[in-house]
Protein backbone atom coordinates (compact mmCIF):
# COMPACT_ATOMS: atom_id res chain seq x y z
CA MET A 1 -17.48 -2.44 37.84
CA ALA A 2 -17.42 -2.34 34.06
CA SER A 3 -14.54 -0.80 32.14
CA LEU A 4 -13.34 -0.93 28.54
CA LEU A 5 -9.93 -0.98 26.91
CA GLY A 6 -9.19 0.99 23.75
CA ILE A 7 -5.89 0.47 21.93
CA ASP A 8 -4.74 3.23 19.60
CA ASN A 9 -1.66 2.77 17.47
CA GLY A 10 -0.39 5.81 15.61
CA LEU A 11 2.65 6.29 13.43
CA THR A 12 5.14 6.62 16.30
CA VAL A 13 3.31 5.69 19.52
CA THR A 14 1.03 2.87 20.59
CA LYS A 15 -1.38 3.67 23.43
CA ALA A 16 -3.61 1.64 25.71
CA VAL A 17 -6.40 3.51 27.47
CA VAL A 18 -8.80 2.16 30.10
CA PHE A 19 -12.19 3.89 30.25
CA ASP A 20 -15.02 3.59 32.72
CA ALA A 21 -18.33 2.62 31.15
CA ASP A 22 -19.49 6.23 31.60
CA GLY A 23 -16.68 7.41 29.29
CA SER A 24 -14.32 8.80 31.91
CA GLN A 25 -10.66 7.96 31.33
CA LEU A 26 -9.12 5.83 34.08
CA SER A 27 -5.59 5.39 32.78
CA VAL A 28 -3.37 5.65 29.74
CA ALA A 29 -0.01 4.11 28.92
CA ARG A 30 2.19 4.78 25.91
CA ARG A 31 5.13 3.13 24.19
CA ARG A 32 7.12 4.49 21.30
CA VAL A 33 7.35 2.23 18.28
CA PRO A 34 10.52 2.91 16.27
CA GLN A 35 10.24 3.57 12.56
CA SER A 36 12.71 2.21 10.06
CA MET A 37 13.65 4.12 6.90
CA PRO A 38 16.01 1.74 5.08
CA GLN A 39 15.72 3.70 1.82
CA PRO A 40 14.39 7.10 0.81
CA ARG A 41 10.58 7.16 0.84
CA TRP A 42 10.39 3.85 2.77
CA VAL A 43 8.79 4.09 6.24
CA GLU A 44 8.38 0.76 8.01
CA ARG A 45 8.13 -0.86 11.44
CA ASP A 46 8.76 -4.29 12.86
CA MET A 47 5.43 -6.06 13.37
CA ALA A 48 6.65 -8.16 16.29
CA GLY A 49 8.10 -5.05 17.93
CA LEU A 50 4.76 -3.27 17.56
CA TRP A 51 2.96 -6.14 19.30
CA GLN A 52 5.54 -6.22 22.11
CA ALA A 53 5.21 -2.46 22.68
CA THR A 54 1.43 -2.80 22.73
CA THR A 55 1.49 -5.62 25.28
CA GLU A 56 3.65 -3.46 27.55
CA ALA A 57 1.29 -0.50 27.20
CA VAL A 58 -1.76 -2.64 27.92
CA GLY A 59 -0.19 -4.15 31.03
CA GLU A 60 0.78 -0.73 32.37
CA ALA A 61 -2.66 0.77 31.63
CA ILE A 62 -4.36 -2.03 33.54
CA ALA A 63 -2.04 -1.52 36.50
CA LEU A 64 -2.57 2.25 36.49
CA SER A 65 -6.36 1.95 36.26
CA GLY A 66 -6.63 0.74 39.85
CA ARG A 67 -9.04 -1.98 38.79
CA PRO A 68 -8.54 -5.69 38.19
CA ALA A 69 -8.26 -6.93 34.62
CA ARG A 70 -11.49 -8.91 34.98
CA ASP A 71 -13.38 -5.58 35.16
CA ILE A 72 -12.49 -4.96 31.51
CA LYS A 73 -15.56 -6.27 29.73
CA ALA A 74 -14.27 -5.85 26.17
CA VAL A 75 -11.33 -4.62 24.11
CA ALA A 76 -11.02 -3.02 20.68
CA ALA A 77 -8.17 -1.53 18.71
CA THR A 78 -7.79 1.24 16.20
CA ALA A 79 -4.65 2.21 14.32
CA HIS A 80 -3.30 4.25 11.48
CA GLY A 81 -5.16 3.50 8.27
CA ASP A 82 -3.81 2.61 4.85
CA GLY A 83 -0.24 1.38 4.68
CA LEU A 84 0.18 -2.39 4.50
CA TYR A 85 0.56 -5.28 6.96
CA LEU A 86 0.92 -8.75 5.49
CA LEU A 87 0.74 -12.32 6.78
CA ASP A 88 2.01 -15.29 4.84
CA LYS A 89 -0.04 -18.43 4.21
CA GLU A 90 1.00 -19.75 7.66
CA ARG A 91 -0.29 -16.49 9.20
CA ARG A 92 3.18 -15.24 10.11
CA PRO A 93 4.34 -11.64 9.51
CA LEU A 94 5.55 -11.27 5.94
CA GLY A 95 8.18 -8.59 6.27
CA PRO A 96 7.85 -5.30 8.14
CA GLY A 97 4.64 -3.31 8.31
CA ILE A 98 4.53 -0.39 5.88
CA LEU A 99 3.27 2.88 7.37
CA SER A 100 0.97 5.43 5.78
CA LEU A 101 3.92 7.86 5.59
CA ASP A 102 5.60 5.56 3.05
CA SER A 103 5.77 6.96 -0.48
CA ARG A 104 7.78 4.34 -2.38
CA ALA A 105 4.76 3.68 -4.63
CA GLY A 106 4.52 7.31 -5.73
CA GLU A 107 5.86 6.54 -9.20
CA ILE A 108 3.26 3.81 -9.69
CA VAL A 109 0.49 6.21 -8.67
CA ASP A 110 1.85 8.84 -11.05
CA ASP A 111 1.72 6.29 -13.87
CA TRP A 112 -1.83 5.31 -12.92
CA ALA A 113 -2.83 8.99 -13.06
CA LYS A 114 -1.77 9.15 -16.73
CA GLY A 115 -4.04 6.28 -17.77
CA PRO A 116 -7.52 4.96 -17.01
CA VAL A 117 -6.79 3.65 -13.50
CA PHE A 118 -7.66 6.88 -11.67
CA SER A 119 -11.06 7.30 -13.31
CA GLU A 120 -11.91 3.60 -13.03
CA ALA A 121 -10.90 3.50 -9.37
CA LEU A 122 -12.85 6.65 -8.55
CA THR A 123 -16.02 5.36 -10.21
CA LEU A 124 -15.80 1.87 -8.71
CA THR A 125 -14.19 2.34 -5.28
CA GLY A 126 -15.11 5.96 -4.53
CA GLN A 127 -11.53 7.23 -4.36
CA VAL A 128 -8.37 7.67 -6.37
CA PRO A 129 -5.31 5.73 -5.17
CA HIS A 130 -2.46 7.44 -3.36
CA ALA A 131 1.10 6.43 -2.57
CA SER A 132 0.36 4.68 0.76
CA ALA A 133 -2.90 3.01 -0.33
CA PRO A 134 -2.87 -0.79 -0.06
CA SER A 135 -3.54 -0.97 -3.79
CA ALA A 136 -0.44 1.04 -4.66
CA LEU A 137 1.83 -0.72 -2.17
CA LEU A 138 0.73 -4.15 -3.34
CA ALA A 139 1.33 -3.13 -6.95
CA TRP A 140 4.81 -1.94 -5.92
CA LEU A 141 5.55 -5.30 -4.27
CA LYS A 142 4.35 -7.17 -7.34
CA LYS A 143 6.76 -5.18 -9.50
CA HIS A 144 9.77 -4.86 -7.21
CA ALA A 145 9.51 -7.73 -4.67
CA PRO A 146 7.77 -10.59 -6.51
CA GLU A 147 9.02 -13.30 -4.13
CA ARG A 148 7.41 -11.54 -1.18
CA PHE A 149 4.29 -10.81 -3.22
CA ASP A 150 3.86 -14.50 -4.11
CA ARG A 151 3.92 -15.48 -0.43
CA ILE A 152 1.03 -13.21 0.61
CA GLY A 153 -1.63 -15.11 2.53
CA HIS A 154 -3.61 -12.33 4.24
CA ILE A 155 -3.80 -8.56 3.69
CA VAL A 156 -4.64 -6.75 6.93
CA GLY A 157 -4.50 -3.29 8.47
CA CYS A 158 -2.37 -2.29 11.43
CA LYS A 159 -5.17 -2.65 13.99
CA ASP A 160 -6.09 -6.02 12.45
CA TRP A 161 -2.58 -7.27 13.15
CA LEU A 162 -2.92 -6.26 16.80
CA ARG A 163 -6.31 -7.92 17.08
CA PHE A 164 -4.90 -11.07 15.44
CA CYS A 165 -2.20 -11.12 18.12
CA LEU A 166 -4.89 -10.81 20.82
CA THR A 167 -7.26 -13.43 19.42
CA GLY A 168 -5.63 -15.51 16.69
CA THR A 169 -8.44 -14.61 14.24
CA VAL A 170 -7.93 -12.88 10.88
CA ALA A 171 -10.52 -10.24 10.01
CA THR A 172 -11.02 -6.57 9.32
CA ASP A 173 -13.93 -4.16 9.63
CA LEU A 174 -16.11 -2.23 7.19
CA THR A 175 -14.16 1.02 7.52
CA GLU A 176 -10.74 -0.55 6.94
CA ALA A 177 -12.01 -2.80 4.15
CA SER A 178 -12.93 0.23 2.06
CA THR A 179 -9.42 1.67 1.75
CA SER A 180 -8.98 0.21 -1.77
CA PHE A 181 -10.99 -2.82 -2.80
CA THR A 182 -14.72 -2.36 -2.13
CA ASP A 183 -17.47 -1.25 -4.48
CA VAL A 184 -18.51 2.19 -3.21
CA ARG A 185 -22.20 1.40 -3.78
CA THR A 186 -22.47 -2.14 -2.38
CA GLN A 187 -19.72 -1.52 0.24
CA ASN A 188 -18.45 -5.07 -0.34
CA TYR A 189 -15.23 -6.42 -1.81
CA VAL A 190 -15.43 -6.98 -5.57
CA PRO A 191 -12.91 -8.79 -7.82
CA GLU A 192 -13.20 -5.92 -10.30
CA ALA A 193 -11.52 -3.61 -7.77
CA MET A 194 -8.50 -5.90 -7.71
CA ARG A 195 -8.46 -6.04 -11.52
CA VAL A 196 -8.28 -2.24 -11.80
CA PHE A 197 -4.93 -2.32 -10.01
CA GLY A 198 -3.61 -5.50 -11.64
CA LEU A 199 -3.96 -7.52 -8.43
CA ASP A 200 -6.51 -10.17 -9.48
CA GLU A 201 -4.62 -13.04 -7.85
CA LEU A 202 -4.95 -11.49 -4.36
CA PHE A 203 -8.73 -11.39 -4.00
CA ALA A 204 -8.73 -14.49 -1.77
CA ALA A 205 -6.18 -12.82 0.53
CA LEU A 206 -8.64 -10.12 1.62
CA PRO A 207 -9.88 -10.75 5.18
CA PRO A 208 -13.57 -11.06 6.17
CA ALA A 209 -15.09 -7.62 6.81
CA LEU A 210 -17.16 -7.32 10.01
CA HIS A 211 -19.04 -4.51 11.72
CA PRO A 212 -16.66 -2.57 14.01
CA ALA A 213 -18.77 -3.61 17.03
CA ASP A 214 -18.89 -7.31 16.10
CA ILE A 215 -16.95 -9.62 18.42
CA ALA A 216 -14.07 -10.85 16.27
CA GLY A 217 -12.53 -13.16 18.86
CA TYR A 218 -11.46 -13.56 22.48
CA VAL A 219 -8.19 -12.94 24.30
CA THR A 220 -6.10 -16.08 24.05
CA ALA A 221 -4.11 -17.63 26.89
CA GLU A 222 -0.88 -16.49 25.24
CA ALA A 223 -2.10 -12.91 24.83
CA SER A 224 -3.40 -12.93 28.41
CA ALA A 225 0.03 -13.89 29.72
CA LEU A 226 1.67 -11.08 27.76
CA THR A 227 -0.83 -8.27 28.44
CA GLY A 228 -2.42 -9.06 31.79
CA LEU A 229 -5.90 -9.14 30.20
CA ALA A 230 -8.19 -11.88 31.41
CA GLU A 231 -8.26 -14.87 29.08
CA GLY A 232 -11.54 -15.01 27.16
CA THR A 233 -12.17 -11.24 27.24
CA PRO A 234 -14.23 -10.34 24.12
CA VAL A 235 -12.38 -8.37 21.44
CA ALA A 236 -14.46 -6.25 19.09
CA CYS A 237 -13.38 -5.84 15.47
CA GLY A 238 -12.44 -2.17 15.88
CA LEU A 239 -12.10 0.45 13.15
CA HIS A 240 -9.87 2.74 11.11
CA ASP A 241 -8.41 5.51 13.29
CA VAL A 242 -9.85 8.37 11.23
CA THR A 243 -13.36 7.07 11.86
CA ALA A 244 -12.50 6.20 15.47
CA SER A 245 -11.44 9.79 16.15
CA ALA A 246 -14.70 11.18 14.75
CA LEU A 247 -16.70 8.68 16.81
CA GLY A 248 -14.72 9.45 19.95
CA ILE A 249 -15.72 13.14 19.83
CA GLY A 250 -19.35 12.45 18.96
CA GLY A 251 -18.77 13.57 15.38
CA HIS A 252 -19.77 10.46 13.42
CA GLU A 253 -23.15 12.04 12.67
CA ASP A 254 -24.95 13.69 9.75
CA GLY A 255 -24.02 17.33 9.20
CA VAL A 256 -20.97 17.28 11.46
CA VAL A 257 -17.50 17.87 10.01
CA SER A 258 -14.98 16.17 12.26
CA ILE A 259 -11.50 17.63 11.98
CA VAL A 260 -8.42 15.79 13.22
CA ALA A 261 -5.49 18.22 13.38
CA GLY A 262 -2.57 15.84 13.71
CA THR A 263 0.14 14.52 11.43
CA TYR A 264 -2.51 14.47 8.70
CA SER A 265 -5.08 17.13 7.92
CA ILE A 266 -8.19 14.97 8.29
CA ASN A 267 -11.64 16.33 7.58
CA GLU A 268 -14.65 14.03 7.38
CA VAL A 269 -18.43 13.99 7.23
CA VAL A 270 -20.95 11.11 7.24
CA SER A 271 -23.62 10.72 4.55
CA SER A 272 -26.57 8.41 3.89
CA GLU A 273 -25.64 7.96 0.23
CA PRO A 274 -22.36 7.67 -1.65
CA ARG A 275 -21.13 10.80 -3.38
CA VAL A 276 -17.94 10.47 -5.39
CA ASP A 277 -15.47 13.28 -6.05
CA GLN A 278 -11.71 13.28 -6.61
CA ARG A 279 -11.31 15.74 -3.73
CA TRP A 280 -12.33 13.21 -1.07
CA PHE A 281 -12.39 9.50 -0.29
CA CYS A 282 -15.90 8.04 -0.14
CA ARG A 283 -15.45 5.09 2.22
CA ASN A 284 -17.60 2.90 4.43
CA ALA A 285 -18.89 4.42 7.65
CA ILE A 286 -19.45 2.35 10.77
CA ASP A 287 -22.84 0.99 9.67
CA PRO A 288 -23.83 -0.52 6.32
CA GLY A 289 -25.72 1.98 4.19
CA ARG A 290 -23.69 4.89 5.56
CA TRP A 291 -20.56 6.48 4.08
CA ASN A 292 -17.66 8.42 5.56
CA ASN A 293 -16.36 11.11 3.22
CA MET A 294 -12.79 12.10 4.03
CA SER A 295 -10.77 14.93 2.51
CA ILE A 296 -7.20 14.60 3.76
CA SER A 297 -3.54 15.45 3.19
CA PRO A 298 -0.35 15.01 5.26
CA ALA A 299 -0.18 18.74 5.99
CA SER A 300 -1.36 19.65 9.47
CA THR A 301 0.21 20.04 12.90
CA ALA A 302 3.38 18.14 12.01
CA ASN A 303 4.39 21.54 10.61
CA TYR A 304 3.84 23.09 14.05
CA ASP A 305 5.87 20.31 15.69
CA TRP A 306 8.69 20.96 13.20
CA PHE A 307 8.65 24.66 14.07
CA LEU A 308 8.83 23.92 17.81
CA ASP A 309 11.65 21.41 17.36
CA THR A 310 13.61 23.74 15.09
CA LEU A 311 13.09 27.21 16.57
CA CYS A 312 11.73 26.71 20.10
CA ARG A 313 13.99 24.07 21.62
CA ALA A 314 14.94 26.08 24.68
CA GLU A 315 11.29 26.78 25.51
CA GLN A 316 10.41 23.12 25.01
CA GLU A 317 13.16 22.03 27.39
CA GLU A 318 12.00 24.56 29.97
CA ALA A 319 8.40 23.38 29.65
CA ARG A 320 9.47 19.77 30.09
CA ARG A 321 11.61 20.66 33.10
CA THR A 322 8.87 22.64 34.87
CA GLY A 323 5.86 20.63 33.69
CA GLY A 324 4.39 23.65 31.91
CA SER A 325 2.79 23.91 28.51
CA ILE A 326 4.83 24.98 25.50
CA HIS A 327 1.58 26.26 23.93
CA GLU A 328 0.96 28.59 26.88
CA ARG A 329 4.56 29.82 26.77
CA LEU A 330 4.18 30.84 23.14
CA ALA A 331 0.62 32.18 23.43
CA ALA A 332 1.74 35.79 24.02
CA GLU A 333 3.93 35.75 20.91
CA ILE A 334 1.08 34.37 18.82
CA ASP A 335 -1.44 36.87 20.21
CA ALA A 336 0.91 39.76 19.46
CA ALA A 337 1.35 38.54 15.90
CA LEU A 338 -2.40 38.11 15.44
CA ASN A 339 -3.05 41.69 16.47
CA LYS A 340 -0.86 43.35 13.86
CA PRO A 341 -0.82 43.31 10.04
CA SER A 342 1.61 40.91 8.38
CA THR A 343 2.72 40.13 4.85
CA LEU A 344 3.87 36.67 5.95
CA LEU A 345 2.16 33.52 4.61
CA PHE A 346 3.16 29.86 5.02
CA HIS A 347 2.27 26.85 2.87
CA PRO A 348 2.38 23.85 5.27
CA TYR A 349 3.70 21.25 2.85
CA LEU A 350 6.72 20.01 4.80
CA PHE A 351 5.57 16.38 4.68
CA GLY A 352 2.97 16.39 1.91
CA SER A 353 0.13 18.41 0.45
CA PRO A 354 -3.15 18.27 -1.47
CA TYR A 355 -1.03 18.91 -4.58
CA GLY A 356 0.92 15.64 -4.59
CA ASN A 357 4.45 14.58 -3.69
CA ALA A 358 6.32 17.38 -5.47
CA ALA A 359 4.87 20.28 -3.44
CA SER A 360 7.11 21.79 -0.76
CA ALA A 361 6.58 24.20 2.12
CA SER A 362 7.44 27.88 1.91
CA PHE A 363 7.34 31.18 3.77
CA VAL A 364 6.20 33.96 1.43
CA GLY A 365 6.44 37.66 2.29
CA LEU A 366 9.10 37.22 4.98
CA ARG A 367 10.81 40.48 5.96
CA GLY A 368 13.69 41.40 8.24
CA TRP A 369 11.40 42.90 10.84
CA HIS A 370 9.36 39.75 11.28
CA ASP A 371 10.09 37.82 14.47
CA ARG A 372 9.48 34.28 15.65
CA GLY A 373 5.92 35.08 16.70
CA ASP A 374 5.10 36.26 13.19
CA MET A 375 6.51 33.07 11.72
CA LEU A 376 4.69 30.89 14.23
CA LYS A 377 1.40 32.64 13.56
CA ALA A 378 1.95 32.08 9.82
CA VAL A 379 2.61 28.36 10.39
CA LEU A 380 -0.60 27.96 12.40
CA GLU A 381 -2.54 29.97 9.85
CA GLY A 382 -1.18 27.84 6.98
CA ILE A 383 -2.22 24.66 8.79
CA VAL A 384 -5.77 25.95 9.22
CA PHE A 385 -5.89 27.23 5.64
CA ASN A 386 -5.00 23.74 4.43
CA HIS A 387 -7.85 22.31 6.52
CA ARG A 388 -10.16 24.93 5.03
CA THR A 389 -9.24 23.72 1.52
CA HIS A 390 -10.55 20.28 2.47
CA VAL A 391 -13.58 21.53 4.42
CA GLU A 392 -14.69 23.71 1.50
CA ALA A 393 -14.52 20.66 -0.76
CA LEU A 394 -16.78 18.74 1.63
CA ARG A 395 -19.17 21.69 1.86
CA ASP A 396 -19.60 21.47 -1.91
CA GLY A 397 -21.01 17.97 -1.49
CA PHE A 398 -22.63 17.82 1.93
CA ALA A 399 -24.67 19.96 4.31
CA VAL A 400 -22.59 21.07 7.31
CA ARG A 401 -24.11 22.37 10.55
CA GLU A 402 -21.31 21.82 13.06
CA VAL A 403 -17.55 21.41 13.30
CA ARG A 404 -15.80 19.32 15.95
CA LEU A 405 -12.05 19.41 16.45
CA THR A 406 -9.65 16.83 17.88
CA GLY A 407 -5.98 15.93 17.57
CA GLY A 408 -2.97 17.67 19.09
CA GLY A 409 -4.06 20.99 17.63
CA SER A 410 -7.30 21.00 19.60
CA ARG A 411 -5.35 21.46 22.84
CA ASN A 412 -3.89 24.75 21.62
CA PRO A 413 -6.49 27.49 22.32
CA ALA A 414 -4.96 29.90 19.79
CA LEU A 415 -5.16 27.29 17.04
CA ALA A 416 -8.70 26.22 17.96
CA GLN A 417 -9.86 29.87 17.84
CA MET A 418 -8.16 30.26 14.47
CA PHE A 419 -10.16 27.29 13.14
CA ALA A 420 -13.38 29.07 14.14
CA ASP A 421 -12.27 32.36 12.58
CA VAL A 422 -11.01 30.81 9.33
CA LEU A 423 -13.95 28.42 8.85
CA LYS A 424 -16.45 31.06 10.05
CA VAL A 425 -18.40 28.56 12.17
CA PRO A 426 -18.39 27.63 15.86
CA VAL A 427 -15.81 24.95 16.59
CA SER A 428 -16.43 22.51 19.45
CA VAL A 429 -13.76 20.66 21.42
CA THR A 430 -14.83 17.77 23.65
CA SER A 431 -13.40 16.67 26.96
CA THR A 432 -12.04 13.46 25.44
CA ASP A 433 -8.23 13.52 25.38
CA GLU A 434 -7.77 10.19 23.60
CA ALA A 435 -10.48 10.39 20.96
CA ALA A 436 -9.35 7.49 18.74
CA ALA A 437 -8.87 5.11 21.68
CA PHE A 438 -12.27 6.13 23.00
CA GLY A 439 -13.83 5.47 19.59
CA ALA A 440 -12.41 1.95 19.75
CA ALA A 441 -13.67 1.54 23.32
CA LEU A 442 -17.17 2.59 22.24
CA CYS A 443 -17.15 -0.24 19.70
CA ALA A 444 -16.01 -2.62 22.43
CA GLY A 445 -18.83 -1.44 24.70
CA ALA A 446 -21.44 -1.88 21.97
CA ALA A 447 -20.09 -5.37 21.25
CA VAL A 448 -20.98 -6.55 24.77
CA GLY A 449 -24.24 -4.61 25.13
CA LEU A 450 -23.09 -1.67 27.27
CA PHE A 451 -24.32 0.64 24.48
CA ALA A 452 -27.00 0.07 21.86
CA SER A 453 -24.46 1.12 19.23
CA PRO A 454 -21.10 2.90 19.13
CA GLN A 455 -22.89 6.13 18.15
CA GLU A 456 -25.38 5.83 21.01
CA GLY A 457 -22.44 5.35 23.35
CA ALA A 458 -20.86 8.54 22.01
CA ARG A 459 -24.09 10.51 22.41
CA ALA A 460 -24.39 9.34 26.01
CA THR A 461 -20.80 10.03 27.04
CA CYS A 462 -19.26 12.82 24.89
CA THR A 463 -19.49 16.34 26.30
CA VAL A 464 -18.31 19.58 24.73
CA SER A 465 -15.74 21.19 27.02
CA ARG A 466 -15.36 24.40 25.05
CA GLN A 467 -16.81 26.06 21.97
CA TYR A 468 -14.90 28.69 20.04
CA GLN A 469 -17.00 31.37 18.31
CA PRO A 470 -15.77 33.05 15.11
CA ASP A 471 -14.77 36.70 15.32
CA PRO A 472 -16.30 38.47 12.26
CA GLY A 473 -13.47 40.99 12.01
CA ARG A 474 -10.75 38.37 12.04
CA SER A 475 -12.76 36.16 9.67
CA ALA A 476 -12.83 38.94 7.08
CA VAL A 477 -9.05 39.37 7.29
CA PHE A 478 -8.48 35.62 7.08
CA ASP A 479 -10.75 35.44 4.01
CA GLU A 480 -8.53 37.85 2.12
CA ARG A 481 -5.36 36.11 3.23
CA TYR A 482 -6.75 32.66 2.38
CA SER A 483 -7.57 33.80 -1.14
CA LEU A 484 -4.00 35.04 -1.68
CA TYR A 485 -2.58 31.88 -0.06
CA GLY A 486 -4.45 29.75 -2.60
CA ARG A 487 -3.47 31.89 -5.60
CA ILE A 488 0.20 31.76 -4.63
CA ALA A 489 0.05 27.96 -4.27
CA GLU A 490 -1.37 27.69 -7.77
CA GLN A 491 1.41 29.89 -9.12
CA LEU A 492 4.05 27.77 -7.37
CA ARG A 493 2.52 24.52 -8.58
CA PRO A 494 4.43 24.28 -11.91
CA LYS A 495 7.71 25.18 -10.15
CA TRP A 496 7.69 22.52 -7.42
CA ALA A 497 9.13 19.82 -9.67
CA GLU A 498 11.98 22.17 -10.62
CA ILE A 499 12.63 22.90 -6.97
CA GLU A 500 12.62 19.16 -6.19
CA SER A 501 15.20 18.56 -8.92
CA LEU A 502 17.71 20.66 -6.95
CA ALA A 503 17.99 17.74 -4.51
CA GLY A 504 20.13 15.95 -7.07
CA GLN A 505 22.68 18.74 -7.29
CA SER A 506 25.86 18.75 -5.23
CA MET A 507 27.92 21.76 -4.18
CA GLY A 508 30.97 19.57 -3.62
CA GLY A 509 34.10 20.50 -5.47
CA THR A 510 36.34 18.17 -7.49
CA GLU A 511 39.52 16.78 -6.04
């Protein structure tokens, strides 16, 4: 019997998922991967610890699948994009991995924005740099950690580190390669892209870029002993997790906006030609001659998680104790709030925004008679409004006929319905629980001939489990509220830096 293994490493958890060749999920195992924050704005992880956690998850997933390891015909990994993972010239980890939540390079990006770098990067690479882009982090290392910078041998992504541990081969794929240093038109690395960021000396450190479904190596004896995988199992190159999630829900297609409602607000659509705009990243899609256009910000369901952790702890504990769903427990409160007028709006910028690092979250219009349900409804609404900001940008550049939703938010029926009402289009949710891992597994299957291509595999195996239809009455109300939400954000924009400056003030008295 043929099965496939998809590895999905996020910002806090690494997962291993075994799928049957027909797409059904056989098993999943998870391990938390601790983050380290040694200084403000630094978010790192130990690379060896990440590999160890992944080996444990893979071994458990194989055991839980009920099938022998030899049934796994191929493996592929996906992981958080951007950030930075480095190997030295002896191919050993060069310091901790830097996560995409890291913002230490924000000052460098702000300086780039004042000069020609932003416009040059947008024209050449199809995107402007951001604080966790490899370009910005490498420039930060060059300025602040020159000894580490001089020892760089290979620049890889998170999933490329995991694949290196499995196979001993250094490579990346088309989607990951385009995070900073490729020409948006040729889709290949160009020295000029390194020059724009002052990183000319690192061009040779960029890894070979393969198709996500190319076999990049085979499970080594050492990796076999650690994971339980059969030695010699083919390992496909894999892909960036944003693209993997779209593929895993059958959304890596023309005219389909794939929305990932997770830590980041991710909104993406495929095109057959490059179209460059500062409001989205124009990056490589799975196949040459195709582009994945992504409009994103770190302002999605992490706001909902914060609300639950802060104001719903008792309900969360009860849900964990009884095995129930916290979303179902709060559904009545949300429904009640949805069915009455409210002055309450929420800007979901707790961890970032489309407006840059200075923006902060806020409740506006809060009154004494509002309850927790009103606040929760406002948080969910603000999350969806932020997604709409990105989706409207993509609609300006690309034809959209369908929306597909994945991420933690897709499992909350109230939130999924709100997406349909706010975007005013039907929103489909597929039966795939682990979309990114499944996207990786589809690449693995295509690598060994189980599917003609990753997309053909998705078409054959992805099924829509539920479609949410927009309610015209609610859509009209949301339209008015969205307009006010945007106008208020613009009015707050010049004040965010002043608000941020309060962090340096102390209320402590003198002795």
